[in-house]
Amino acid sequence: MDPASAPRLLARVRAKIRLKHYSIGTEQAYADWIRRYVLFHGKRHPSALGATEVEAFLTHLAVEGKVAAAPQNQAKAALLFLYREVLAVELPWLDNVTRAKQPARLPIVLTRDEVTRILARLRGVHALIGALLYGTGLRVMEGVRVRVQDIDFDRRHIIVRDGKGSKDRMTMLPDRLAQRDAEAKSTPHAKFMRADLCTRLVSVLELTQFHHSRNSSGGPLQNG
């Protein structure tokens, strides 16, 4: 495969993912797995490969790479997406893949006291967003993408736009996030904060969206 053609292939993958409104995390993960698949097979174009090569790559991940079951399944989903949605090739059933072992572990669940202590150590913007995620059950990307107009303080709910599966949904806004904060403390962003936690939450969302817009436009806040 000509290395110059790799960006074009990944550009097609990204365009298809965005057309289907997948999350940015899924886009980045799929592109990474497809890139690794191409490199594993000596930069040959995926259209010249097939089920045998896909099985070889997935088996390599489990045996030599020693990845867990979740990354292997994600890699499989990425390659199936590549062939089915981008290259319009329907792969046969992948029977000859050595599966990564699924560890039998119990989930770690924090106690209410542990959660309280964690949230108490957060400050400023991080404290409000942490409380928002814990109190509303939002996913991380849903939390940082909440817009001011999506919050209804009167009805105590938040509208999540374009969530998982490209679906909108409504979730609660806990009273503790909407009531007056009697112990408002100074923060590095003090001019954005007010004693009223309603105002503080809106201000933090506006500040977060401002930073995001500066990052997206290549301003001075953009990470390298």
C-alpha atoms as a PDB file:
ATOM      1  CA  MET A   1       0.000   0.000   0.000  1.00  0.00           C
ATOM      2  CA  ASP A   2       1.349   3.427  -0.906  1.00  0.00           C
ATOM      3  CA  PRO A   3       1.749   5.378   2.365  1.00  0.00           C
ATOM      4  CA  ALA A   4       0.300   8.417   0.591  1.00  0.00           C
ATOM      5  CA  SER A   5      -2.996   6.553   0.161  1.00  0.00           C
ATOM      6  CA  ALA A   6      -3.375   5.894   3.922  1.00  0.00           C
ATOM      7  CA  PRO A   7      -4.645   9.393   4.734  1.00  0.00           C
ATOM      8  CA  ARG A   8      -7.174   9.148   1.940  1.00  0.00           C
ATOM      9  CA  LEU A   9      -8.475   5.844   3.318  1.00  0.00           C
ATOM     10  CA  LEU A  10      -8.695   7.223   6.853  1.00  0.00           C
ATOM     11  CA  ALA A  11     -10.383  10.363   5.537  1.00  0.00           C
ATOM     12  CA  ARG A  12     -13.072   8.158   4.000  1.00  0.00           C
ATOM     13  CA  VAL A  13     -13.427   6.271   7.282  1.00  0.00           C
ATOM     14  CA  ARG A  14     -13.789   9.507   9.257  1.00  0.00           C
ATOM     15  CA  ALA A  15     -16.299  10.917   6.781  1.00  0.00           C
ATOM     16  CA  LYS A  16     -18.446   7.782   7.039  1.00  0.00           C
ATOM     17  CA  ILE A  17     -18.272   7.781  10.828  1.00  0.00           C
ATOM     18  CA  ARG A  18     -19.344  11.428  10.978  1.00  0.00           C
ATOM     19  CA  LEU A  19     -22.142  10.754   8.525  1.00  0.00           C
ATOM     20  CA  LYS A  20     -23.450   8.146  10.970  1.00  0.00           C
ATOM     21  CA  HIS A  21     -22.993  10.548  13.907  1.00  0.00           C
ATOM     22  CA  TYR A  22     -20.681   8.292  15.882  1.00  0.00           C
ATOM     23  CA  SER A  23     -18.854   9.858  18.826  1.00  0.00           C
ATOM     24  CA  ILE A  24     -15.445  11.480  18.451  1.00  0.00           C
ATOM     25  CA  GLY A  25     -14.021   8.785  20.740  1.00  0.00           C
ATOM     26  CA  THR A  26     -15.278   6.049  18.419  1.00  0.00           C
ATOM     27  CA  GLU A  27     -13.861   7.893  15.419  1.00  0.00           C
ATOM     28  CA  GLN A  28     -10.415   8.152  16.969  1.00  0.00           C
ATOM     29  CA  ALA A  29     -10.412   4.536  18.145  1.00  0.00           C
ATOM     30  CA  TYR A  30     -11.577   3.125  14.779  1.00  0.00           C
ATOM     31  CA  ALA A  31      -9.026   5.183  12.845  1.00  0.00           C
ATOM     32  CA  ASP A  32      -6.243   3.983  15.141  1.00  0.00           C
ATOM     33  CA  TRP A  33      -7.178   0.313  14.813  1.00  0.00           C
ATOM     34  CA  ILE A  34      -7.449   0.564  11.024  1.00  0.00           C
ATOM     35  CA  ARG A  35      -4.042   2.250  10.871  1.00  0.00           C
ATOM     36  CA  ARG A  36      -2.539  -0.533  12.981  1.00  0.00           C
ATOM     37  CA  TYR A  37      -4.187  -3.157  10.769  1.00  0.00           C
ATOM     38  CA  VAL A  38      -2.685  -1.612   7.634  1.00  0.00           C
ATOM     39  CA  LEU A  39       0.784  -1.417   9.205  1.00  0.00           C
ATOM     40  CA  PHE A  40       0.539  -5.003  10.488  1.00  0.00           C
ATOM     41  CA  HIS A  41       0.080  -6.237   6.912  1.00  0.00           C
ATOM     42  CA  GLY A  42       2.980  -4.256   5.472  1.00  0.00           C
ATOM     43  CA  LYS A  43       0.951  -1.217   4.386  1.00  0.00           C
ATOM     44  CA  ARG A  44      -1.123  -3.236   1.932  1.00  0.00           C
ATOM     45  CA  HIS A  45      -4.459  -1.686   1.113  1.00  0.00           C
ATOM     46  CA  PRO A  46      -7.364  -3.342   2.998  1.00  0.00           C
ATOM     47  CA  SER A  47      -9.200  -3.874  -0.288  1.00  0.00           C
ATOM     48  CA  ALA A  48      -6.461  -6.373  -1.196  1.00  0.00           C
ATOM     49  CA  LEU A  49      -6.940  -8.199   2.101  1.00  0.00           C
ATOM     50  CA  GLY A  50      -9.789 -10.260   3.445  1.00  0.00           C
ATOM     51  CA  ALA A  51     -11.132 -12.380   6.278  1.00  0.00           C
ATOM     52  CA  THR A  52      -7.901 -14.381   6.645  1.00  0.00           C
ATOM     53  CA  GLU A  53      -5.870 -11.221   7.217  1.00  0.00           C
ATOM     54  CA  VAL A  54      -8.462  -9.809   9.621  1.00  0.00           C
ATOM     55  CA  GLU A  55      -8.391 -13.044  11.627  1.00  0.00           C
ATOM     56  CA  ALA A  56      -4.573 -12.979  11.665  1.00  0.00           C
ATOM     57  CA  PHE A  57      -4.524  -9.427  13.007  1.00  0.00           C
ATOM     58  CA  LEU A  58      -7.137 -10.067  15.702  1.00  0.00           C
ATOM     59  CA  THR A  59      -5.350 -13.251  16.784  1.00  0.00           C
ATOM     60  CA  HIS A  60      -2.054 -11.353  16.929  1.00  0.00           C
ATOM     61  CA  LEU A  61      -3.633  -8.842  19.294  1.00  0.00           C
ATOM     62  CA  ALA A  62      -4.692 -11.590  21.696  1.00  0.00           C
ATOM     63  CA  VAL A  63      -1.613 -13.830  21.497  1.00  0.00           C
ATOM     64  CA  GLU A  64       1.377 -11.541  20.940  1.00  0.00           C
ATOM     65  CA  GLY A  65      -0.217  -8.239  21.935  1.00  0.00           C
ATOM     66  CA  LYS A  66      -1.942  -9.797  24.967  1.00  0.00           C
ATOM     67  CA  VAL A  67      -4.768  -7.274  24.798  1.00  0.00           C
ATOM     68  CA  ALA A  68      -7.917  -7.739  26.836  1.00  0.00           C
ATOM     69  CA  ALA A  69     -11.228  -8.804  25.346  1.00  0.00           C
ATOM     70  CA  ALA A  70     -12.628  -5.260  25.126  1.00  0.00           C
ATOM     71  CA  PRO A  71      -9.819  -3.838  22.900  1.00  0.00           C
ATOM     72  CA  GLN A  72      -9.924  -6.911  20.682  1.00  0.00           C
ATOM     73  CA  ASN A  73     -13.674  -6.535  20.241  1.00  0.00           C
ATOM     74  CA  GLN A  74     -13.228  -2.850  19.470  1.00  0.00           C
ATOM     75  CA  ALA A  75     -10.587  -3.668  16.844  1.00  0.00           C
ATOM     76  CA  LYS A  76     -12.956  -6.211  15.292  1.00  0.00           C
ATOM     77  CA  ALA A  77     -15.784  -3.657  15.212  1.00  0.00           C
ATOM     78  CA  ALA A  78     -13.470  -1.122  13.554  1.00  0.00           C
ATOM     79  CA  LEU A  79     -12.420  -3.552  10.819  1.00  0.00           C
ATOM     80  CA  LEU A  80     -15.967  -4.711  10.196  1.00  0.00           C
ATOM     81  CA  PHE A  81     -16.975  -1.061   9.860  1.00  0.00           C
ATOM     82  CA  LEU A  82     -14.112  -0.472   7.422  1.00  0.00           C
ATOM     83  CA  TYR A  83     -15.077  -3.345   5.154  1.00  0.00           C
ATOM     84  CA  ARG A  84     -18.837  -3.089   5.414  1.00  0.00           C
ATOM     85  CA  GLU A  85     -19.370   0.680   5.437  1.00  0.00           C
ATOM     86  CA  VAL A  86     -16.335   2.096   3.603  1.00  0.00           C
ATOM     87  CA  LEU A  87     -15.160  -0.616   1.203  1.00  0.00           C
ATOM     88  CA  ALA A  88     -18.637  -2.177   0.727  1.00  0.00           C
ATOM     89  CA  VAL A  89     -17.243  -5.668   1.325  1.00  0.00           C
ATOM     90  CA  GLU A  90     -19.141  -8.178   3.453  1.00  0.00           C
ATOM     91  CA  LEU A  91     -16.668 -10.354   5.315  1.00  0.00           C
ATOM     92  CA  PRO A  92     -17.590 -13.972   6.102  1.00  0.00           C
ATOM     93  CA  TRP A  93     -18.005 -15.044   9.710  1.00  0.00           C
ATOM     94  CA  LEU A  94     -14.663 -14.780  11.510  1.00  0.00           C
ATOM     95  CA  ASP A  95     -14.428 -18.233  13.069  1.00  0.00           C
ATOM     96  CA  ASN A  96     -10.643 -18.640  13.259  1.00  0.00           C
ATOM     97  CA  VAL A  97      -9.854 -15.875  15.724  1.00  0.00           C
ATOM     98  CA  THR A  98      -8.147 -16.647  19.015  1.00  0.00           C
ATOM     99  CA  ARG A  99     -10.246 -14.773  21.537  1.00  0.00           C
ATOM    100  CA  ALA A 100      -8.728 -12.680  24.284  1.00  0.00           C
ATOM    101  CA  LYS A 101      -9.706 -13.978  27.698  1.00  0.00           C
ATOM    102  CA  GLN A 102     -12.431 -12.097  29.475  1.00  0.00           C
ATOM    103  CA  PRO A 103     -11.335 -11.673  33.107  1.00  0.00           C
ATOM    104  CA  ALA A 104     -13.949 -12.570  35.683  1.00  0.00           C
ATOM    105  CA  ARG A 105     -13.787  -9.519  37.907  1.00  0.00           C
ATOM    106  CA  LEU A 106     -16.339  -7.898  40.137  1.00  0.00           C
ATOM    107  CA  PRO A 107     -16.951  -4.194  39.448  1.00  0.00           C
ATOM    108  CA  ILE A 108     -15.497  -1.683  41.882  1.00  0.00           C
ATOM    109  CA  VAL A 109     -18.286   0.442  43.317  1.00  0.00           C
ATOM    110  CA  LEU A 110     -17.393   3.455  45.445  1.00  0.00           C
ATOM    111  CA  THR A 111     -19.341   4.078  48.625  1.00  0.00           C
ATOM    112  CA  ARG A 112     -21.286   7.294  49.053  1.00  0.00           C
ATOM    113  CA  ASP A 113     -18.651   8.526  51.517  1.00  0.00           C
ATOM    114  CA  GLU A 114     -15.824   7.794  49.049  1.00  0.00           C
ATOM    115  CA  VAL A 115     -17.615   9.707  46.288  1.00  0.00           C
ATOM    116  CA  THR A 116     -18.197  12.637  48.626  1.00  0.00           C
ATOM    117  CA  ARG A 117     -14.513  12.761  49.549  1.00  0.00           C
ATOM    118  CA  ILE A 118     -13.456  12.634  45.886  1.00  0.00           C
ATOM    119  CA  LEU A 119     -15.797  15.458  44.904  1.00  0.00           C
ATOM    120  CA  ALA A 120     -14.652  17.481  47.917  1.00  0.00           C
ATOM    121  CA  ARG A 121     -11.084  17.470  46.582  1.00  0.00           C
ATOM    122  CA  LEU A 122     -12.112  19.026  43.267  1.00  0.00           C
ATOM    123  CA  ARG A 123     -11.979  22.784  42.852  1.00  0.00           C
ATOM    124  CA  GLY A 124     -13.482  25.375  40.546  1.00  0.00           C
ATOM    125  CA  VAL A 125     -14.477  24.194  37.092  1.00  0.00           C
ATOM    126  CA  HIS A 126     -13.516  20.599  37.825  1.00  0.00           C
ATOM    127  CA  ALA A 127     -15.672  20.549  40.970  1.00  0.00           C
ATOM    128  CA  LEU A 128     -18.781  21.714  39.108  1.00  0.00           C
ATOM    129  CA  ILE A 129     -18.290  19.391  36.153  1.00  0.00           C
ATOM    130  CA  GLY A 130     -17.516  16.483  38.496  1.00  0.00           C
ATOM    131  CA  ALA A 131     -20.708  17.148  40.430  1.00  0.00           C
ATOM    132  CA  LEU A 132     -22.621  17.456  37.164  1.00  0.00           C
ATOM    133  CA  LEU A 133     -21.369  14.075  35.911  1.00  0.00           C
ATOM    134  CA  TYR A 134     -22.013  12.293  39.201  1.00  0.00           C
ATOM    135  CA  GLY A 135     -25.356  13.930  39.916  1.00  0.00           C
ATOM    136  CA  THR A 136     -26.859  13.533  36.448  1.00  0.00           C
ATOM    137  CA  GLY A 137     -25.290  10.312  35.150  1.00  0.00           C
ATOM    138  CA  LEU A 138     -23.938  12.000  32.028  1.00  0.00           C
ATOM    139  CA  ARG A 139     -21.051  10.463  30.126  1.00  0.00           C
ATOM    140  CA  VAL A 140     -17.849  12.506  30.102  1.00  0.00           C
ATOM    141  CA  MET A 141     -18.249  13.867  26.574  1.00  0.00           C
ATOM    142  CA  GLU A 142     -21.935  14.545  27.199  1.00  0.00           C
ATOM    143  CA  GLY A 143     -21.012  16.538  30.281  1.00  0.00           C
ATOM    144  CA  VAL A 144     -18.453  18.773  28.602  1.00  0.00           C
ATOM    145  CA  ARG A 145     -20.755  19.329  25.635  1.00  0.00           C
ATOM    146  CA  VAL A 146     -23.779  20.467  27.651  1.00  0.00           C
ATOM    147  CA  ARG A 147     -24.975  23.836  26.393  1.00  0.00           C
ATOM    148  CA  VAL A 148     -26.494  26.548  28.533  1.00  0.00           C
ATOM    149  CA  GLN A 149     -29.807  26.331  26.682  1.00  0.00           C
ATOM    150  CA  ASP A 150     -29.999  22.582  27.455  1.00  0.00           C
ATOM    151  CA  ILE A 151     -30.411  23.241  31.195  1.00  0.00           C
ATOM    152  CA  ASP A 152     -33.896  23.868  32.581  1.00  0.00           C
ATOM    153  CA  PHE A 153     -33.537  25.013  36.191  1.00  0.00           C
ATOM    154  CA  ASP A 154     -37.294  25.398  36.694  1.00  0.00           C
ATOM    155  CA  ARG A 155     -38.120  21.815  35.699  1.00  0.00           C
ATOM    156  CA  ARG A 156     -34.825  20.468  37.088  1.00  0.00           C
ATOM    157  CA  HIS A 157     -33.698  18.635  33.976  1.00  0.00           C
ATOM    158  CA  ILE A 158     -30.978  18.640  31.322  1.00  0.00           C
ATOM    159  CA  ILE A 159     -31.524  17.744  27.682  1.00  0.00           C
ATOM    160  CA  VAL A 160     -28.656  15.649  26.310  1.00  0.00           C
ATOM    161  CA  ARG A 161     -28.258  16.373  22.607  1.00  0.00           C
ATOM    162  CA  ASP A 162     -26.848  13.781  20.203  1.00  0.00           C
ATOM    163  CA  GLY A 163     -25.906  11.277  22.908  1.00  0.00           C
ATOM    164  CA  LYS A 164     -24.914   7.671  22.429  1.00  0.00           C
ATOM    165  CA  GLY A 165     -26.552   6.266  19.333  1.00  0.00           C
ATOM    166  CA  SER A 166     -27.176   9.816  18.065  1.00  0.00           C
ATOM    167  CA  LYS A 167     -30.228  10.084  20.300  1.00  0.00           C
ATOM    168  CA  ASP A 168     -31.459  12.963  22.424  1.00  0.00           C
ATOM    169  CA  ARG A 169     -32.608  12.223  25.947  1.00  0.00           C
ATOM    170  CA  MET A 170     -33.576  13.993  29.138  1.00  0.00           C
ATOM    171  CA  THR A 171     -31.944  13.516  32.543  1.00  0.00           C
ATOM    172  CA  MET A 172     -32.512  15.030  35.949  1.00  0.00           C
ATOM    173  CA  LEU A 173     -30.755  18.063  37.376  1.00  0.00           C
ATOM    174  CA  PRO A 174     -30.294  17.354  41.102  1.00  0.00           C
ATOM    175  CA  ASP A 175     -31.574  19.975  43.542  1.00  0.00           C
ATOM    176  CA  ARG A 176     -28.125  20.191  45.078  1.00  0.00           C
ATOM    177  CA  LEU A 177     -26.751  21.526  41.800  1.00  0.00           C
ATOM    178  CA  ALA A 178     -29.586  23.996  41.398  1.00  0.00           C
ATOM    179  CA  GLN A 179     -29.866  25.397  44.926  1.00  0.00           C
ATOM    180  CA  ARG A 180     -27.961  28.336  46.396  1.00  0.00           C
ATOM    181  CA  ASP A 181     -24.404  27.556  47.459  1.00  0.00           C
ATOM    182  CA  ALA A 182     -23.897  29.061  50.917  1.00  0.00           C
ATOM    183  CA  GLU A 183     -20.187  28.245  50.971  1.00  0.00           C
ATOM    184  CA  ALA A 184     -19.067  29.617  47.625  1.00  0.00           C
ATOM    185  CA  LYS A 185     -15.292  29.801  47.584  1.00  0.00           C
ATOM    186  CA  SER A 186     -12.934  31.850  45.460  1.00  0.00           C
ATOM    187  CA  THR A 187     -11.449  30.088  42.429  1.00  0.00           C
ATOM    188  CA  PRO A 188      -8.949  30.958  39.651  1.00  0.00           C
ATOM    189  CA  HIS A 189     -12.047  31.744  37.559  1.00  0.00           C
ATOM    190  CA  ALA A 190     -13.681  33.821  40.289  1.00  0.00           C
ATOM    191  CA  LYS A 191     -15.157  36.365  37.894  1.00  0.00           C
ATOM    192  CA  PHE A 192     -17.154  33.552  36.297  1.00  0.00           C
ATOM    193  CA  MET A 193     -18.446  32.284  39.641  1.00  0.00           C
ATOM    194  CA  ARG A 194     -21.324  33.573  41.767  1.00  0.00           C
ATOM    195  CA  ALA A 195     -22.826  32.600  45.120  1.00  0.00           C
ATOM    196  CA  ASP A 196     -25.815  31.248  43.276  1.00  0.00           C
ATOM    197  CA  LEU A 197     -24.801  27.803  42.002  1.00  0.00           C
ATOM    198  CA  CYS A 198     -27.237  28.105  39.102  1.00  0.00           C
ATOM    199  CA  THR A 199     -25.267  31.061  37.808  1.00  0.00           C
ATOM    200  CA  ARG A 200     -21.969  29.323  38.541  1.00  0.00           C
ATOM    201  CA  LEU A 201     -22.954  26.239  36.567  1.00  0.00           C
ATOM    202  CA  VAL A 202     -24.019  28.284  33.550  1.00  0.00           C
ATOM    203  CA  SER A 203     -20.852  30.379  33.770  1.00  0.00           C
ATOM    204  CA  VAL A 204     -18.634  27.286  33.844  1.00  0.00           C
ATOM    205  CA  LEU A 205     -20.414  25.873  30.808  1.00  0.00           C
ATOM    206  CA  GLU A 206     -19.882  29.147  28.948  1.00  0.00           C
ATOM    207  CA  LEU A 207     -16.217  29.149  29.968  1.00  0.00           C
ATOM    208  CA  THR A 208     -15.759  25.522  28.873  1.00  0.00           C
ATOM    209  CA  GLN A 209     -17.402  26.196  25.505  1.00  0.00           C
ATOM    210  CA  PHE A 210     -15.203  29.293  25.041  1.00  0.00           C
ATOM    211  CA  HIS A 211     -12.068  27.221  25.658  1.00  0.00           C
ATOM    212  CA  HIS A 212     -13.348  24.528  23.281  1.00  0.00           C
ATOM    213  CA  SER A 213     -14.013  27.059  20.535  1.00  0.00           C
ATOM    214  CA  ARG A 214     -10.529  28.544  20.952  1.00  0.00           C
ATOM    215  CA  ASN A 215      -8.997  25.054  20.735  1.00  0.00           C
ATOM    216  CA  SER A 216     -11.021  24.205  17.630  1.00  0.00           C
ATOM    217  CA  SER A 217     -10.023  27.429  15.886  1.00  0.00           C
ATOM    218  CA  GLY A 218      -6.324  26.940  16.530  1.00  0.00           C
ATOM    219  CA  GLY A 219      -6.060  29.819  19.051  1.00  0.00           C
ATOM    220  CA  PRO A 220      -3.450  30.141  21.772  1.00  0.00           C
ATOM    221  CA  LEU A 221      -5.211  27.605  23.984  1.00  0.00           C
ATOM    222  CA  GLN A 222      -4.811  24.827  21.431  1.00  0.00           C
ATOM    223  CA  ASN A 223      -2.800  21.845  22.627  1.00  0.00           C
ATOM    224  CA  GLY A 224       0.163  20.744  20.608  1.00  0.00           C
END
